[in-house]
């Protein structure tokens, strides 16, 4: 992951694999929704109630995942400082994760960092730029 700050335009550019991973998840979930729709169209509810319900729930879950990625996640590569609300730090199972909280309600997560020194370095860099922790 590479992080660069342009002082003239007040923009942060992030080079990592998050956009690729996000599009891959969206495409796979849409394929899953399409597959479940076709399967549900051809399956009989009377003979296979449990399978029908399972496939409907799986398709619905995939649709929710697609909507979540489209409405709550951001994966742009450049952000102006005016678009960023702050730095969001979450800890889950002893692992800290950093995300940029944007003013439009979306979050921009970073790729998984290798160790705690990279995490501290990223925090230090973002706070030096002027992004405060939330």
C-alpha atoms as a PDB file:
ATOM      1  CA  UNK A   1       0.000   0.000   0.000  1.00  0.00           C
ATOM      2  CA  UNK A   2       1.256   3.447  -0.911  1.00  0.00           C
ATOM      3  CA  UNK A   3      -0.073   6.680   0.527  1.00  0.00           C
ATOM      4  CA  UNK A   4       0.797  10.035  -1.050  1.00  0.00           C
ATOM      5  CA  UNK A   5      -0.297  13.551  -0.103  1.00  0.00           C
ATOM      6  CA  UNK A   6      -0.356  16.436  -2.585  1.00  0.00           C
ATOM      7  CA  UNK A   7      -0.053  19.716  -0.664  1.00  0.00           C
ATOM      8  CA  UNK A   8      -1.070  21.906  -3.613  1.00  0.00           C
ATOM      9  CA  UNK A   9      -4.402  20.203  -4.286  1.00  0.00           C
ATOM     10  CA  UNK A  10      -4.881  18.981  -0.682  1.00  0.00           C
ATOM     11  CA  UNK A  11      -5.524  15.442  -1.907  1.00  0.00           C
ATOM     12  CA  UNK A  12      -4.572  12.044  -0.568  1.00  0.00           C
ATOM     13  CA  UNK A  13      -3.919   9.305  -3.101  1.00  0.00           C
ATOM     14  CA  UNK A  14      -4.047   5.697  -1.970  1.00  0.00           C
ATOM     15  CA  UNK A  15      -2.631   2.865  -4.041  1.00  0.00           C
ATOM     16  CA  UNK A  16      -3.756  -0.537  -2.787  1.00  0.00           C
ATOM     17  CA  UNK A  17      -5.884  -3.537  -3.756  1.00  0.00           C
ATOM     18  CA  UNK A  18      -9.126  -2.424  -2.078  1.00  0.00           C
ATOM     19  CA  UNK A  19     -10.847  -1.236  -5.314  1.00  0.00           C
ATOM     20  CA  UNK A  20     -10.044  -4.516  -7.056  1.00  0.00           C
ATOM     21  CA  UNK A  21     -11.272  -6.604  -4.130  1.00  0.00           C
ATOM     22  CA  UNK A  22     -14.455  -4.545  -3.805  1.00  0.00           C
ATOM     23  CA  UNK A  23     -15.353  -4.908  -7.477  1.00  0.00           C
ATOM     24  CA  UNK A  24     -14.599  -8.622  -7.315  1.00  0.00           C
ATOM     25  CA  UNK A  25     -16.956  -9.062  -4.357  1.00  0.00           C
ATOM     26  CA  UNK A  26     -19.693  -7.048  -6.081  1.00  0.00           C
ATOM     27  CA  UNK A  27     -19.403  -9.034  -9.316  1.00  0.00           C
ATOM     28  CA  UNK A  28     -19.409 -12.380  -7.487  1.00  0.00           C
ATOM     29  CA  UNK A  29     -22.436 -11.408  -5.403  1.00  0.00           C
ATOM     30  CA  UNK A  30     -24.305 -10.256  -8.522  1.00  0.00           C
ATOM     31  CA  UNK A  31     -23.507 -13.572 -10.216  1.00  0.00           C
ATOM     32  CA  UNK A  32     -24.792 -15.314  -7.087  1.00  0.00           C
ATOM     33  CA  UNK A  33     -28.031 -13.272  -7.158  1.00  0.00           C
ATOM     34  CA  UNK A  34     -28.492 -14.085 -10.853  1.00  0.00           C
ATOM     35  CA  UNK A  35     -27.824 -17.780 -10.226  1.00  0.00           C
ATOM     36  CA  UNK A  36     -30.267 -17.914  -7.305  1.00  0.00           C
ATOM     37  CA  UNK A  37     -32.914 -16.096  -9.362  1.00  0.00           C
ATOM     38  CA  UNK A  38     -32.633 -18.598 -12.206  1.00  0.00           C
ATOM     39  CA  UNK A  39     -32.645 -21.550  -9.798  1.00  0.00           C
ATOM     40  CA  UNK A  40     -35.678 -20.223  -7.918  1.00  0.00           C
ATOM     41  CA  UNK A  41     -37.524 -19.653 -11.185  1.00  0.00           C
ATOM     42  CA  UNK A  42     -37.127 -23.298 -12.223  1.00  0.00           C
ATOM     43  CA  UNK A  43     -37.495 -25.015  -8.844  1.00  0.00           C
ATOM     44  CA  UNK A  44     -40.853 -26.105  -7.449  1.00  0.00           C
ATOM     45  CA  UNK A  45     -41.657 -24.774  -3.986  1.00  0.00           C
ATOM     46  CA  UNK A  46     -44.039 -27.653  -3.219  1.00  0.00           C
ATOM     47  CA  UNK A  47     -41.415 -30.375  -3.656  1.00  0.00           C
ATOM     48  CA  UNK A  48     -38.343 -28.576  -2.269  1.00  0.00           C
ATOM     49  CA  UNK A  49     -39.457 -26.127   0.413  1.00  0.00           C
ATOM     50  CA  UNK A  50     -36.205 -26.150   2.413  1.00  0.00           C
ATOM     51  CA  UNK A  51     -33.996 -25.803  -0.665  1.00  0.00           C
ATOM     52  CA  UNK A  52     -36.212 -23.016  -2.009  1.00  0.00           C
ATOM     53  CA  UNK A  53     -36.062 -21.104   1.288  1.00  0.00           C
ATOM     54  CA  UNK A  54     -32.287 -21.610   1.585  1.00  0.00           C
ATOM     55  CA  UNK A  55     -31.691 -20.357  -1.963  1.00  0.00           C
ATOM     56  CA  UNK A  56     -33.993 -17.380  -1.447  1.00  0.00           C
ATOM     57  CA  UNK A  57     -32.140 -16.418   1.744  1.00  0.00           C
ATOM     58  CA  UNK A  58     -28.770 -16.846   0.030  1.00  0.00           C
ATOM     59  CA  UNK A  59     -29.856 -14.650  -2.876  1.00  0.00           C
ATOM     60  CA  UNK A  60     -31.246 -12.032  -0.498  1.00  0.00           C
ATOM     61  CA  UNK A  61     -28.015 -12.044   1.530  1.00  0.00           C
ATOM     62  CA  UNK A  62     -25.979 -11.548  -1.636  1.00  0.00           C
ATOM     63  CA  UNK A  63     -28.194  -8.650  -2.658  1.00  0.00           C
ATOM     64  CA  UNK A  64     -27.742  -7.046   0.773  1.00  0.00           C
ATOM     65  CA  UNK A  65     -23.953  -7.436   0.439  1.00  0.00           C
ATOM     66  CA  UNK A  66     -23.987  -5.716  -2.958  1.00  0.00           C
ATOM     67  CA  UNK A  67     -26.072  -2.839  -1.609  1.00  0.00           C
ATOM     68  CA  UNK A  68     -23.760  -2.514   1.401  1.00  0.00           C
ATOM     69  CA  UNK A  69     -20.686  -2.250  -0.819  1.00  0.00           C
ATOM     70  CA  UNK A  70     -22.369   0.261  -3.111  1.00  0.00           C
ATOM     71  CA  UNK A  71     -23.918   2.465  -0.420  1.00  0.00           C
ATOM     72  CA  UNK A  72     -21.552   2.265   2.580  1.00  0.00           C
ATOM     73  CA  UNK A  73     -18.084   1.563   1.180  1.00  0.00           C
ATOM     74  CA  UNK A  74     -15.860   3.787  -0.905  1.00  0.00           C
ATOM     75  CA  UNK A  75     -12.902   2.649  -2.950  1.00  0.00           C
ATOM     76  CA  UNK A  76     -11.782   5.747  -4.813  1.00  0.00           C
ATOM     77  CA  UNK A  77      -8.051   6.256  -5.135  1.00  0.00           C
ATOM     78  CA  UNK A  78      -7.938  10.008  -4.411  1.00  0.00           C
ATOM     79  CA  UNK A  79      -9.694  12.003  -1.704  1.00  0.00           C
ATOM     80  CA  UNK A  80      -9.672  15.703  -0.935  1.00  0.00           C
ATOM     81  CA  UNK A  81      -9.136  16.619   2.702  1.00  0.00           C
ATOM     82  CA  UNK A  82     -12.517  18.377   2.680  1.00  0.00           C
ATOM     83  CA  UNK A  83     -14.226  15.032   1.918  1.00  0.00           C
ATOM     84  CA  UNK A  84     -12.695  13.287   4.946  1.00  0.00           C
ATOM     85  CA  UNK A  85     -14.418  13.506   8.321  1.00  0.00           C
ATOM     86  CA  UNK A  86     -11.782  11.626  10.289  1.00  0.00           C
ATOM     87  CA  UNK A  87      -9.857   8.468  10.982  1.00  0.00           C
ATOM     88  CA  UNK A  88     -11.879   5.548  12.322  1.00  0.00           C
ATOM     89  CA  UNK A  89     -10.020   2.906  14.332  1.00  0.00           C
ATOM     90  CA  UNK A  90     -11.760  -0.370  15.149  1.00  0.00           C
ATOM     91  CA  UNK A  91     -10.425  -3.337  17.059  1.00  0.00           C
ATOM     92  CA  UNK A  92     -11.781  -6.801  16.340  1.00  0.00           C
ATOM     93  CA  UNK A  93     -10.294  -9.920  17.951  1.00  0.00           C
ATOM     94  CA  UNK A  94      -7.144  -8.038  18.911  1.00  0.00           C
ATOM     95  CA  UNK A  95      -6.549  -6.731  15.387  1.00  0.00           C
ATOM     96  CA  UNK A  96      -6.809  -2.993  14.776  1.00  0.00           C
ATOM     97  CA  UNK A  97      -8.295  -1.823  11.508  1.00  0.00           C
ATOM     98  CA  UNK A  98      -8.091   1.704  10.164  1.00  0.00           C
ATOM     99  CA  UNK A  99     -10.621   3.346   7.867  1.00  0.00           C
ATOM    100  CA  UNK A 100     -11.222   6.842   6.613  1.00  0.00           C
ATOM    101  CA  UNK A 101     -14.667   8.091   7.604  1.00  0.00           C
ATOM    102  CA  UNK A 102     -15.987  10.289   4.815  1.00  0.00           C
ATOM    103  CA  UNK A 103     -18.474  13.129   5.119  1.00  0.00           C
ATOM    104  CA  UNK A 104     -20.943  11.393   2.788  1.00  0.00           C
ATOM    105  CA  UNK A 105     -21.341   8.546   5.315  1.00  0.00           C
ATOM    106  CA  UNK A 106     -19.113   6.051   3.527  1.00  0.00           C
ATOM    107  CA  UNK A 107     -15.886   4.544   4.802  1.00  0.00           C
ATOM    108  CA  UNK A 108     -12.662   3.804   2.949  1.00  0.00           C
ATOM    109  CA  UNK A 109     -10.858   0.867   4.485  1.00  0.00           C
ATOM    110  CA  UNK A 110      -7.205   0.136   3.932  1.00  0.00           C
ATOM    111  CA  UNK A 111      -5.772  -3.196   2.920  1.00  0.00           C
ATOM    112  CA  UNK A 112      -4.648  -5.462   5.716  1.00  0.00           C
ATOM    113  CA  UNK A 113      -1.435  -4.163   7.220  1.00  0.00           C
ATOM    114  CA  UNK A 114       1.360  -6.644   7.867  1.00  0.00           C
ATOM    115  CA  UNK A 115       2.346  -5.645  11.394  1.00  0.00           C
ATOM    116  CA  UNK A 116       1.835  -3.070  14.133  1.00  0.00           C
ATOM    117  CA  UNK A 117       4.699  -0.880  12.959  1.00  0.00           C
ATOM    118  CA  UNK A 118       2.947  -0.355   9.608  1.00  0.00           C
ATOM    119  CA  UNK A 119      -0.246   0.461  11.493  1.00  0.00           C
ATOM    120  CA  UNK A 120       1.504   3.020  13.699  1.00  0.00           C
ATOM    121  CA  UNK A 121       3.260   4.501  10.679  1.00  0.00           C
ATOM    122  CA  UNK A 122      -0.036   4.881   8.814  1.00  0.00           C
ATOM    123  CA  UNK A 123      -1.701   6.503  11.843  1.00  0.00           C
ATOM    124  CA  UNK A 124       1.226   8.891  12.256  1.00  0.00           C
ATOM    125  CA  UNK A 125       1.197   9.829   8.569  1.00  0.00           C
ATOM    126  CA  UNK A 126      -2.545  10.469   8.492  1.00  0.00           C
ATOM    127  CA  UNK A 127      -2.490  12.579  11.664  1.00  0.00           C
ATOM    128  CA  UNK A 128       0.496  14.551  10.307  1.00  0.00           C
ATOM    129  CA  UNK A 129      -1.556  15.360   7.213  1.00  0.00           C
ATOM    130  CA  UNK A 130      -4.307  16.742   9.440  1.00  0.00           C
ATOM    131  CA  UNK A 131      -6.809  13.898   9.707  1.00  0.00           C
ATOM    132  CA  UNK A 132      -8.016  13.480  13.273  1.00  0.00           C
ATOM    133  CA  UNK A 133      -9.139  10.283  14.987  1.00  0.00           C
ATOM    134  CA  UNK A 134     -12.851   9.841  15.609  1.00  0.00           C
END
